Amino acid sequence: VSNYFLSDFNMVCAPPVKTEVVETMGLFHDIVSESCENYFQRYRRRAYVTPKSYLSFINGYKEFYAEKLHSINEQAERMQTGLSKLMEASESVAKLSKDLAIKEKELAVTSVKADKVLEEVKESAEAATKIKLEVQAVKDKAQRIVDAIDIEKQEAERKLEAAKPALEEAEEALK
């Protein structure tokens, strides 16, 4: 009976496994029938196992199997999607690694150029510092000369002030 109802039912297994399932269903039906007899012997109450209950058991198995197969297929699909995402990520990482290697080479070249420019700037700064020191020295020298001239000017003005009364007397005497 179970062979008839399960022959067209799609089960994902090898034919010998399907045959074992069919035989096991018959075995379960016999075990339930014996259990009903034991139940009667022990409790004096009848429980019946009918052909309809056997067909119900087969249909329940088919529904349960279809439900679990659907669940497993969904999980397999999710896993496949996850694996494809992982593969995409792996390819992206490989591509980014190549891009990174290229960028690192470019960075090394740019770093060398930047070091050269920095060295030139340092040299220019040193030259500017030397020139600044030279200009400061000339400025200091000029300031000393200006200070010396200022001192001589003040001395000359003081002497002029001291000589002014004598000049005025001489001019008065000439008049």
C-alpha atoms as a PDB file:
ATOM      1  CA  VAL A   1       0.000   0.000   0.000  1.00  0.00           C
ATOM      2  CA  SER A   2       2.747   2.463   0.933  1.00  0.00           C
ATOM      3  CA  ASN A   3       4.628   1.472  -2.216  1.00  0.00           C
ATOM      4  CA  TYR A   4       1.584   2.396  -4.299  1.00  0.00           C
ATOM      5  CA  PHE A   5       1.120   5.805  -2.648  1.00  0.00           C
ATOM      6  CA  LEU A   6       4.814   6.677  -2.544  1.00  0.00           C
ATOM      7  CA  SER A   7       5.781   5.391  -6.007  1.00  0.00           C
ATOM      8  CA  ASP A   8       4.867   8.713  -7.696  1.00  0.00           C
ATOM      9  CA  PHE A   9       5.982  10.830  -4.741  1.00  0.00           C
ATOM     10  CA  ASN A  10       9.234  12.667  -5.443  1.00  0.00           C
ATOM     11  CA  MET A  11      11.790  11.771  -2.799  1.00  0.00           C
ATOM     12  CA  VAL A  12      15.351  13.019  -3.031  1.00  0.00           C
ATOM     13  CA  CYS A  13      17.117   9.745  -2.375  1.00  0.00           C
ATOM     14  CA  ALA A  14      18.423   6.631  -4.069  1.00  0.00           C
ATOM     15  CA  PRO A  15      15.869   3.948  -5.040  1.00  0.00           C
ATOM     16  CA  PRO A  16      17.074   1.481  -2.364  1.00  0.00           C
ATOM     17  CA  VAL A  17      16.512   4.134   0.318  1.00  0.00           C
ATOM     18  CA  LYS A  18      12.987   4.744  -0.987  1.00  0.00           C
ATOM     19  CA  THR A  19      12.323   0.995  -0.786  1.00  0.00           C
ATOM     20  CA  GLU A  20      13.542   0.977   2.820  1.00  0.00           C
ATOM     21  CA  VAL A  21      11.161   3.877   3.644  1.00  0.00           C
ATOM     22  CA  VAL A  22       8.221   1.940   2.120  1.00  0.00           C
ATOM     23  CA  GLU A  23       9.083  -1.182   4.141  1.00  0.00           C
ATOM     24  CA  THR A  24       9.569   0.901   7.316  1.00  0.00           C
ATOM     25  CA  MET A  25       6.107   2.447   6.931  1.00  0.00           C
ATOM     26  CA  GLY A  26       4.564  -1.021   6.815  1.00  0.00           C
ATOM     27  CA  LEU A  27       6.637  -2.002   9.845  1.00  0.00           C
ATOM     28  CA  PHE A  28       5.399   1.058  11.762  1.00  0.00           C
ATOM     29  CA  HIS A  29       1.811   0.170  10.928  1.00  0.00           C
ATOM     30  CA  ASP A  30       2.353  -3.339  12.307  1.00  0.00           C
ATOM     31  CA  ILE A  31       4.025  -1.962  15.473  1.00  0.00           C
ATOM     32  CA  VAL A  32       1.112   0.444  16.063  1.00  0.00           C
ATOM     33  CA  SER A  33      -1.342  -2.426  15.600  1.00  0.00           C
ATOM     34  CA  GLU A  34       0.543  -4.522  18.171  1.00  0.00           C
ATOM     35  CA  SER A  35       0.674  -1.530  20.531  1.00  0.00           C
ATOM     36  CA  CYS A  36      -3.105  -1.151  20.271  1.00  0.00           C
ATOM     37  CA  GLU A  37      -3.500  -4.830  21.238  1.00  0.00           C
ATOM     38  CA  ASN A  38      -1.109  -4.349  24.184  1.00  0.00           C
ATOM     39  CA  TYR A  39      -3.065  -1.253  25.194  1.00  0.00           C
ATOM     40  CA  PHE A  40      -6.272  -3.336  25.221  1.00  0.00           C
ATOM     41  CA  GLN A  41      -4.616  -6.076  27.283  1.00  0.00           C
ATOM     42  CA  ARG A  42      -3.305  -3.589  29.809  1.00  0.00           C
ATOM     43  CA  TYR A  43      -6.129  -1.039  30.140  1.00  0.00           C
ATOM     44  CA  ARG A  44      -9.130  -2.913  28.696  1.00  0.00           C
ATOM     45  CA  ARG A  45      -9.799  -0.093  26.248  1.00  0.00           C
ATOM     46  CA  ARG A  46      -9.865  -0.519  22.513  1.00  0.00           C
ATOM     47  CA  ALA A  47      -7.766   1.637  20.149  1.00  0.00           C
ATOM     48  CA  TYR A  48      -8.166   0.836  16.492  1.00  0.00           C
ATOM     49  CA  VAL A  49      -5.727   1.034  13.633  1.00  0.00           C
ATOM     50  CA  THR A  50      -7.648   1.184  10.405  1.00  0.00           C
ATOM     51  CA  PRO A  51      -6.568   1.300   6.784  1.00  0.00           C
ATOM     52  CA  LYS A  52      -7.688   4.948   6.812  1.00  0.00           C
ATOM     53  CA  SER A  53      -5.323   5.711   9.710  1.00  0.00           C
ATOM     54  CA  TYR A  54      -2.518   4.050   7.699  1.00  0.00           C
ATOM     55  CA  LEU A  55      -3.345   6.211   4.671  1.00  0.00           C
ATOM     56  CA  SER A  56      -3.453   9.234   6.952  1.00  0.00           C
ATOM     57  CA  PHE A  57       0.004   8.272   8.250  1.00  0.00           C
ATOM     58  CA  ILE A  58       1.319   8.051   4.660  1.00  0.00           C
ATOM     59  CA  ASN A  59      -0.204  11.426   3.730  1.00  0.00           C
ATOM     60  CA  GLY A  60       1.165  12.986   6.920  1.00  0.00           C
ATOM     61  CA  TYR A  61       4.597  11.655   6.033  1.00  0.00           C
ATOM     62  CA  LYS A  62       4.322  13.099   2.527  1.00  0.00           C
ATOM     63  CA  GLU A  63       3.275  16.517   3.877  1.00  0.00           C
ATOM     64  CA  PHE A  64       6.016  16.516   6.496  1.00  0.00           C
ATOM     65  CA  TYR A  65       8.588  15.428   3.900  1.00  0.00           C
ATOM     66  CA  ALA A  66       7.491  18.146   1.436  1.00  0.00           C
ATOM     67  CA  GLU A  67       7.611  20.773   4.198  1.00  0.00           C
ATOM     68  CA  LYS A  68      11.101  19.735   5.312  1.00  0.00           C
ATOM     69  CA  LEU A  69      12.308  19.485   1.705  1.00  0.00           C
ATOM     70  CA  HIS A  70      11.045  23.006   1.056  1.00  0.00           C
ATOM     71  CA  SER A  71      12.800  24.250   4.214  1.00  0.00           C
ATOM     72  CA  ILE A  72      16.052  22.550   3.252  1.00  0.00           C
ATOM     73  CA  ASN A  73      15.832  23.952  -0.285  1.00  0.00           C
ATOM     74  CA  GLU A  74      15.346  27.454   1.119  1.00  0.00           C
ATOM     75  CA  GLN A  75      18.338  27.026   3.383  1.00  0.00           C
ATOM     76  CA  ALA A  76      20.392  25.651   0.492  1.00  0.00           C
ATOM     77  CA  GLU A  77      19.369  28.648  -1.617  1.00  0.00           C
ATOM     78  CA  ARG A  78      20.386  31.020   1.181  1.00  0.00           C
ATOM     79  CA  MET A  79      23.672  29.203   1.532  1.00  0.00           C
ATOM     80  CA  GLN A  80      24.231  29.402  -2.210  1.00  0.00           C
ATOM     81  CA  THR A  81      23.467  33.125  -2.146  1.00  0.00           C
ATOM     82  CA  GLY A  82      25.857  33.558   0.768  1.00  0.00           C
ATOM     83  CA  LEU A  83      28.564  31.621  -1.051  1.00  0.00           C
ATOM     84  CA  SER A  84      28.104  33.705  -4.185  1.00  0.00           C
ATOM     85  CA  LYS A  85      28.362  36.867  -2.055  1.00  0.00           C
ATOM     86  CA  LEU A  86      31.538  35.493  -0.487  1.00  0.00           C
ATOM     87  CA  MET A  87      32.936  34.753  -3.936  1.00  0.00           C
ATOM     88  CA  GLU A  88      32.068  38.280  -5.087  1.00  0.00           C
ATOM     89  CA  ALA A  89      33.706  39.685  -1.973  1.00  0.00           C
ATOM     90  CA  SER A  90      36.782  37.534  -2.577  1.00  0.00           C
ATOM     91  CA  GLU A  91      37.028  38.795  -6.154  1.00  0.00           C
ATOM     92  CA  SER A  92      36.588  42.371  -4.952  1.00  0.00           C
ATOM     93  CA  VAL A  93      39.292  41.898  -2.339  1.00  0.00           C
ATOM     94  CA  ALA A  94      41.640  40.475  -4.977  1.00  0.00           C
ATOM     95  CA  LYS A  95      40.945  43.417  -7.280  1.00  0.00           C
ATOM     96  CA  LEU A  96      41.387  45.912  -4.450  1.00  0.00           C
ATOM     97  CA  SER A  97      44.645  44.190  -3.477  1.00  0.00           C
ATOM     98  CA  LYS A  98      45.931  44.677  -7.017  1.00  0.00           C
ATOM     99  CA  ASP A  99      44.797  48.307  -6.971  1.00  0.00           C
ATOM    100  CA  LEU A 100      46.469  48.744  -3.589  1.00  0.00           C
ATOM    101  CA  ALA A 101      49.742  47.339  -4.910  1.00  0.00           C
ATOM    102  CA  ILE A 102      49.617  49.800  -7.820  1.00  0.00           C
ATOM    103  CA  LYS A 103      48.786  52.676  -5.484  1.00  0.00           C
ATOM    104  CA  GLU A 104      51.638  51.661  -3.165  1.00  0.00           C
ATOM    105  CA  LYS A 105      54.064  51.847  -6.108  1.00  0.00           C
ATOM    106  CA  GLU A 106      52.680  55.256  -7.065  1.00  0.00           C
ATOM    107  CA  LEU A 107      52.936  56.333  -3.433  1.00  0.00           C
ATOM    108  CA  ALA A 108      56.579  55.238  -3.304  1.00  0.00           C
ATOM    109  CA  VAL A 109      57.363  57.303  -6.428  1.00  0.00           C
ATOM    110  CA  THR A 110      55.473  60.288  -5.049  1.00  0.00           C
ATOM    111  CA  SER A 111      57.234  59.897  -1.711  1.00  0.00           C
ATOM    112  CA  VAL A 112      60.623  60.020  -3.433  1.00  0.00           C
ATOM    113  CA  LYS A 113      59.551  63.162  -5.310  1.00  0.00           C
ATOM    114  CA  ALA A 114      58.275  64.698  -2.085  1.00  0.00           C
ATOM    115  CA  ASP A 115      61.586  63.906  -0.371  1.00  0.00           C
ATOM    116  CA  LYS A 116      63.440  65.658  -3.207  1.00  0.00           C
ATOM    117  CA  VAL A 117      61.161  68.694  -2.952  1.00  0.00           C
ATOM    118  CA  LEU A 118      61.603  68.713   0.833  1.00  0.00           C
ATOM    119  CA  GLU A 119      65.378  68.593   0.408  1.00  0.00           C
ATOM    120  CA  GLU A 120      65.198  71.499  -2.060  1.00  0.00           C
ATOM    121  CA  VAL A 121      63.028  73.447   0.360  1.00  0.00           C
ATOM    122  CA  LYS A 122      65.498  72.751   3.160  1.00  0.00           C
ATOM    123  CA  GLU A 123      68.367  73.952   0.974  1.00  0.00           C
ATOM    124  CA  SER A 124      66.386  77.053   0.013  1.00  0.00           C
ATOM    125  CA  ALA A 125      65.565  77.680   3.675  1.00  0.00           C
ATOM    126  CA  GLU A 126      69.240  77.332   4.620  1.00  0.00           C
ATOM    127  CA  ALA A 127      70.241  79.703   1.826  1.00  0.00           C
ATOM    128  CA  ALA A 128      67.539  82.146   2.920  1.00  0.00           C
ATOM    129  CA  THR A 129      68.782  81.893   6.506  1.00  0.00           C
ATOM    130  CA  LYS A 130      72.345  82.637   5.356  1.00  0.00           C
ATOM    131  CA  ILE A 131      71.147  85.627   3.345  1.00  0.00           C
ATOM    132  CA  LYS A 132      69.047  86.796   6.278  1.00  0.00           C
ATOM    133  CA  LEU A 133      72.068  86.568   8.568  1.00  0.00           C
ATOM    134  CA  GLU A 134      74.185  88.500   6.029  1.00  0.00           C
ATOM    135  CA  VAL A 135      71.463  91.156   5.697  1.00  0.00           C
ATOM    136  CA  GLN A 136      71.166  91.337   9.484  1.00  0.00           C
ATOM    137  CA  ALA A 137      74.939  91.777   9.754  1.00  0.00           C
ATOM    138  CA  VAL A 138      74.860  94.604   7.163  1.00  0.00           C
ATOM    139  CA  LYS A 139      71.886  96.151   8.951  1.00  0.00           C
ATOM    140  CA  ASP A 140      73.658  95.937  12.312  1.00  0.00           C
ATOM    141  CA  LYS A 141      76.759  97.513  10.765  1.00  0.00           C
ATOM    142  CA  ALA A 142      74.658 100.275   9.204  1.00  0.00           C
ATOM    143  CA  GLN A 143      72.894 100.808  12.538  1.00  0.00           C
ATOM    144  CA  ARG A 144      76.239 101.176  14.297  1.00  0.00           C
ATOM    145  CA  ILE A 145      77.314 103.722  11.689  1.00  0.00           C
ATOM    146  CA  VAL A 146      74.014 105.578  12.101  1.00  0.00           C
ATOM    147  CA  ASP A 147      74.425 105.486  15.888  1.00  0.00           C
ATOM    148  CA  ALA A 148      77.998 106.756  15.584  1.00  0.00           C
ATOM    149  CA  ILE A 149      76.862 109.556  13.246  1.00  0.00           C
ATOM    150  CA  ASP A 150      74.075 110.427  15.666  1.00  0.00           C
ATOM    151  CA  ILE A 151      76.546 110.632  18.546  1.00  0.00           C
ATOM    152  CA  GLU A 152      78.877 112.862  16.445  1.00  0.00           C
ATOM    153  CA  LYS A 153      75.874 114.989  15.445  1.00  0.00           C
ATOM    154  CA  GLN A 154      74.896 115.458  19.080  1.00  0.00           C
ATOM    155  CA  GLU A 155      78.497 116.323  19.952  1.00  0.00           C
ATOM    156  CA  ALA A 156      78.612 118.780  17.083  1.00  0.00           C
ATOM    157  CA  GLU A 157      75.333 120.362  18.168  1.00  0.00           C
ATOM    158  CA  ARG A 158      76.574 120.642  21.736  1.00  0.00           C
ATOM    159  CA  LYS A 159      79.778 122.303  20.538  1.00  0.00           C
ATOM    160  CA  LEU A 160      77.689 124.547  18.281  1.00  0.00           C
ATOM    161  CA  GLU A 161      75.536 125.525  21.245  1.00  0.00           C
ATOM    162  CA  ALA A 162      78.610 126.209  23.296  1.00  0.00           C
ATOM    163  CA  ALA A 163      80.124 128.295  20.455  1.00  0.00           C
ATOM    164  CA  LYS A 164      76.913 130.153  19.676  1.00  0.00           C
ATOM    165  CA  PRO A 165      77.330 132.795  22.402  1.00  0.00           C
ATOM    166  CA  ALA A 166      80.849 133.509  21.170  1.00  0.00           C
ATOM    167  CA  LEU A 167      79.565 133.710  17.583  1.00  0.00           C
ATOM    168  CA  GLU A 168      76.891 136.128  18.611  1.00  0.00           C
ATOM    169  CA  GLU A 169      79.448 138.290  20.431  1.00  0.00           C
ATOM    170  CA  ALA A 170      81.665 138.255  17.377  1.00  0.00           C
ATOM    171  CA  GLU A 171      78.801 139.272  15.153  1.00  0.00           C
ATOM    172  CA  GLU A 172      77.911 142.029  17.611  1.00  0.00           C
ATOM    173  CA  ALA A 173      81.452 143.205  17.634  1.00  0.00           C
ATOM    174  CA  LEU A 174      81.481 143.312  13.849  1.00  0.00           C
ATOM    175  CA  LYS A 175      78.467 145.498  13.693  1.00  0.00           C
END
